[in-house]
Each structure stands twice: as C-alpha cells, then as structure tokens.
Amino acid sequence: MTDHRIRTSLGRSAAVTPADDDALRALAQQAWRRNGTAVFFGDQKLTEAERRVIEAAAAKLYGERRTT
C-alpha cells in the first residue's frame, strides 16, 4: 500500500489512504462484515433493478443526486 497522506500541519495524525483498488475493496468488505456499511463501486455488475433500488434508497436518505 502506497502512503498517500494529505499535506497538512496535522499530517502526522492523518490516516493513510489505501491507494489501490484491491485495498479499497477489502476495506469495503470489512466495513460490511463489521457494521453493515455497504459500498458500491461504479464498475460492479448490478442488474438494472438492483441499481434502481440502491439509487432510490440513497435519494431517500441523502436527497436527489445532482449531475454536472
């Protein structure tokens, strides 16, 4: 894992961010198993129905998504 610390005076206390895809996906899996936090990556294969359910739930919780 590459060290990608944010340059700041608080840098020594900032967490290290995983840089590669495998590390991020492993963290997502760990979050799900530990506390039920689900992370969906844009390249994951979901059916259209699954995608609509996720988007509807997110819109209900966080508001409509703004596109630019």
N, C-alpha and C. Protein backbone atom coordinates (compact mmCIF):
# COMPACT_ATOMS: atom_id res chain seq x y z
N MET A 1 0.85 -1.17 0.00
CA MET A 1 0.00 0.00 0.00
C MET A 1 0.90 1.23 0.00
N THR A 2 0.61 2.16 -0.89
CA THR A 2 1.37 3.39 -1.01
C THR A 2 0.87 4.40 0.01
N ASP A 3 1.79 5.16 0.59
CA ASP A 3 1.44 6.17 1.57
C ASP A 3 0.97 7.43 0.85
N HIS A 4 -0.31 7.78 1.00
CA HIS A 4 -0.89 8.98 0.39
C HIS A 4 -1.45 9.89 1.47
N ARG A 5 -0.56 10.46 2.25
CA ARG A 5 -1.01 11.35 3.31
C ARG A 5 -1.31 12.73 2.74
N ILE A 6 -2.28 13.37 3.36
CA ILE A 6 -2.64 14.73 2.98
C ILE A 6 -1.59 15.66 3.56
N ARG A 7 -1.10 16.61 2.75
CA ARG A 7 -0.09 17.56 3.23
C ARG A 7 -0.77 18.63 4.07
N THR A 8 -0.53 18.54 5.37
CA THR A 8 -1.11 19.49 6.30
C THR A 8 -0.29 19.47 7.58
N SER A 9 -0.47 20.48 8.40
CA SER A 9 0.24 20.50 9.67
C SER A 9 -0.22 19.35 10.57
N LEU A 10 -1.36 18.79 10.26
CA LEU A 10 -1.88 17.66 11.02
C LEU A 10 -1.51 16.34 10.37
N GLY A 11 -0.60 16.37 9.41
CA GLY A 11 -0.25 15.19 8.62
C GLY A 11 0.13 13.97 9.42
N ARG A 12 0.80 14.18 10.56
CA ARG A 12 1.21 13.02 11.35
C ARG A 12 0.01 12.29 11.95
N SER A 13 -1.10 12.99 12.14
CA SER A 13 -2.27 12.32 12.70
C SER A 13 -3.30 11.93 11.64
N ALA A 14 -3.05 12.27 10.39
CA ALA A 14 -3.98 11.90 9.32
C ALA A 14 -3.80 10.43 8.96
N ALA A 15 -4.90 9.77 8.66
CA ALA A 15 -4.86 8.36 8.31
C ALA A 15 -4.24 8.15 6.93
N VAL A 16 -3.66 6.99 6.73
CA VAL A 16 -3.13 6.61 5.42
C VAL A 16 -4.28 6.08 4.59
N THR A 17 -4.41 6.56 3.37
CA THR A 17 -5.48 6.13 2.47
C THR A 17 -4.96 5.02 1.56
N PRO A 18 -5.69 3.90 1.47
CA PRO A 18 -5.26 2.85 0.55
C PRO A 18 -5.31 3.36 -0.88
N ALA A 19 -4.29 3.07 -1.64
CA ALA A 19 -4.18 3.63 -2.98
C ALA A 19 -4.67 2.69 -4.07
N ASP A 20 -4.64 1.41 -3.83
CA ASP A 20 -5.01 0.52 -4.94
C ASP A 20 -6.42 -0.04 -4.75
N ASP A 21 -6.98 -0.48 -5.86
CA ASP A 21 -8.36 -0.95 -5.91
C ASP A 21 -8.60 -2.13 -4.99
N ASP A 22 -7.67 -3.07 -4.96
CA ASP A 22 -7.84 -4.25 -4.11
C ASP A 22 -7.94 -3.87 -2.64
N ALA A 23 -7.14 -2.91 -2.20
CA ALA A 23 -7.17 -2.48 -0.80
C ALA A 23 -8.50 -1.79 -0.48
N LEU A 24 -9.00 -0.98 -1.40
CA LEU A 24 -10.28 -0.32 -1.18
C LEU A 24 -11.43 -1.32 -1.11
N ARG A 25 -11.40 -2.31 -1.98
CA ARG A 25 -12.44 -3.32 -1.97
C ARG A 25 -12.38 -4.19 -0.71
N ALA A 26 -11.17 -4.46 -0.23
CA ALA A 26 -11.02 -5.21 1.02
C ALA A 26 -11.58 -4.41 2.19
N LEU A 27 -11.36 -3.10 2.20
CA LEU A 27 -11.92 -2.25 3.25
C LEU A 27 -13.44 -2.23 3.18
N ALA A 28 -13.98 -2.19 1.97
CA ALA A 28 -15.43 -2.21 1.79
C ALA A 28 -16.02 -3.51 2.33
N GLN A 29 -15.38 -4.62 2.05
CA GLN A 29 -15.84 -5.91 2.55
C GLN A 29 -15.78 -5.95 4.07
N GLN A 30 -14.70 -5.44 4.63
CA GLN A 30 -14.53 -5.40 6.08
C GLN A 30 -15.61 -4.52 6.74
N ALA A 31 -15.92 -3.38 6.14
CA ALA A 31 -16.94 -2.49 6.68
C ALA A 31 -18.31 -3.18 6.68
N TRP A 32 -18.60 -3.92 5.64
CA TRP A 32 -19.88 -4.63 5.56
C TRP A 32 -19.97 -5.68 6.67
N ARG A 33 -18.92 -6.45 6.81
CA ARG A 33 -18.94 -7.54 7.79
C ARG A 33 -18.95 -7.04 9.23
N ARG A 34 -18.30 -5.91 9.47
CA ARG A 34 -18.20 -5.40 10.85
C ARG A 34 -19.43 -4.61 11.28
N ASN A 35 -19.94 -3.73 10.41
CA ASN A 35 -21.03 -2.87 10.87
C ASN A 35 -22.15 -2.64 9.86
N GLY A 36 -22.17 -3.41 8.78
CA GLY A 36 -23.28 -3.31 7.84
C GLY A 36 -23.21 -2.14 6.87
N THR A 37 -22.06 -1.51 6.76
CA THR A 37 -21.88 -0.41 5.82
C THR A 37 -21.60 -0.99 4.44
N ALA A 38 -22.46 -0.68 3.48
CA ALA A 38 -22.30 -1.20 2.13
C ALA A 38 -21.67 -0.13 1.24
N VAL A 39 -20.70 -0.55 0.44
CA VAL A 39 -20.04 0.34 -0.51
C VAL A 39 -20.23 -0.26 -1.90
N PHE A 40 -20.70 0.55 -2.83
CA PHE A 40 -20.89 0.08 -4.20
C PHE A 40 -19.94 0.83 -5.11
N PHE A 41 -19.16 0.10 -5.86
CA PHE A 41 -18.23 0.69 -6.82
C PHE A 41 -18.91 0.78 -8.17
N GLY A 42 -18.59 1.80 -8.92
CA GLY A 42 -19.23 2.05 -10.20
C GLY A 42 -19.08 0.93 -11.22
N ASP A 43 -18.03 0.15 -11.11
CA ASP A 43 -17.79 -0.90 -12.10
C ASP A 43 -18.38 -2.25 -11.72
N GLN A 44 -19.07 -2.32 -10.57
CA GLN A 44 -19.65 -3.59 -10.16
C GLN A 44 -20.86 -3.92 -11.03
N LYS A 45 -21.01 -5.19 -11.32
CA LYS A 45 -22.10 -5.65 -12.18
C LYS A 45 -23.37 -5.80 -11.36
N LEU A 46 -24.31 -4.90 -11.56
CA LEU A 46 -25.61 -4.96 -10.91
C LEU A 46 -26.68 -4.98 -11.99
N THR A 47 -27.79 -5.63 -11.68
CA THR A 47 -28.90 -5.58 -12.63
C THR A 47 -29.50 -4.17 -12.57
N GLU A 48 -30.27 -3.84 -13.57
CA GLU A 48 -30.92 -2.53 -13.60
C GLU A 48 -31.85 -2.37 -12.39
N ALA A 49 -32.54 -3.45 -12.03
CA ALA A 49 -33.44 -3.40 -10.88
C ALA A 49 -32.67 -3.16 -9.58
N GLU A 50 -31.53 -3.82 -9.41
CA GLU A 50 -30.70 -3.62 -8.22
C GLU A 50 -30.20 -2.18 -8.15
N ARG A 51 -29.76 -1.66 -9.28
CA ARG A 51 -29.26 -0.29 -9.34
C ARG A 51 -30.36 0.71 -8.98
N ARG A 52 -31.58 0.49 -9.48
CA ARG A 52 -32.69 1.40 -9.17
C ARG A 52 -33.03 1.39 -7.68
N VAL A 53 -33.00 0.21 -7.06
CA VAL A 53 -33.28 0.11 -5.62
C VAL A 53 -32.24 0.88 -4.82
N ILE A 54 -30.98 0.71 -5.16
CA ILE A 54 -29.90 1.40 -4.46
C ILE A 54 -30.02 2.91 -4.65
N GLU A 55 -30.26 3.34 -5.87
CA GLU A 55 -30.38 4.78 -6.15
C GLU A 55 -31.59 5.38 -5.44
N ALA A 56 -32.70 4.65 -5.37
CA ALA A 56 -33.89 5.15 -4.68
C ALA A 56 -33.63 5.28 -3.18
N ALA A 57 -32.96 4.29 -2.60
CA ALA A 57 -32.65 4.34 -1.17
C ALA A 57 -31.71 5.50 -0.86
N ALA A 58 -30.69 5.69 -1.69
CA ALA A 58 -29.75 6.79 -1.48
C ALA A 58 -30.44 8.14 -1.63
N ALA A 59 -31.32 8.27 -2.61
CA ALA A 59 -32.06 9.53 -2.80
C ALA A 59 -32.96 9.82 -1.60
N LYS A 60 -33.57 8.79 -1.05
CA LYS A 60 -34.43 8.96 0.12
C LYS A 60 -33.62 9.43 1.32
N LEU A 61 -32.45 8.84 1.51
CA LEU A 61 -31.62 9.18 2.67
C LEU A 61 -30.88 10.50 2.52
N TYR A 62 -30.37 10.77 1.32
CA TYR A 62 -29.45 11.89 1.12
C TYR A 62 -29.95 12.98 0.19
N GLY A 63 -31.11 12.77 -0.44
CA GLY A 63 -31.59 13.74 -1.41
C GLY A 63 -31.23 13.35 -2.82
N GLU A 64 -31.87 13.99 -3.76
CA GLU A 64 -31.61 13.68 -5.17
C GLU A 64 -30.17 13.99 -5.53
N ARG A 65 -29.64 13.18 -6.42
CA ARG A 65 -28.25 13.33 -6.88
C ARG A 65 -28.20 14.45 -7.91
N ARG A 66 -27.21 15.30 -7.78
CA ARG A 66 -27.01 16.37 -8.77
C ARG A 66 -26.02 15.89 -9.80
N THR A 67 -26.35 16.08 -11.05
CA THR A 67 -25.41 15.73 -12.12
C THR A 67 -24.85 17.00 -12.70
N THR A 68 -23.59 16.93 -13.07
CA THR A 68 -22.95 18.12 -13.65
C THR A 68 -22.61 17.91 -15.08
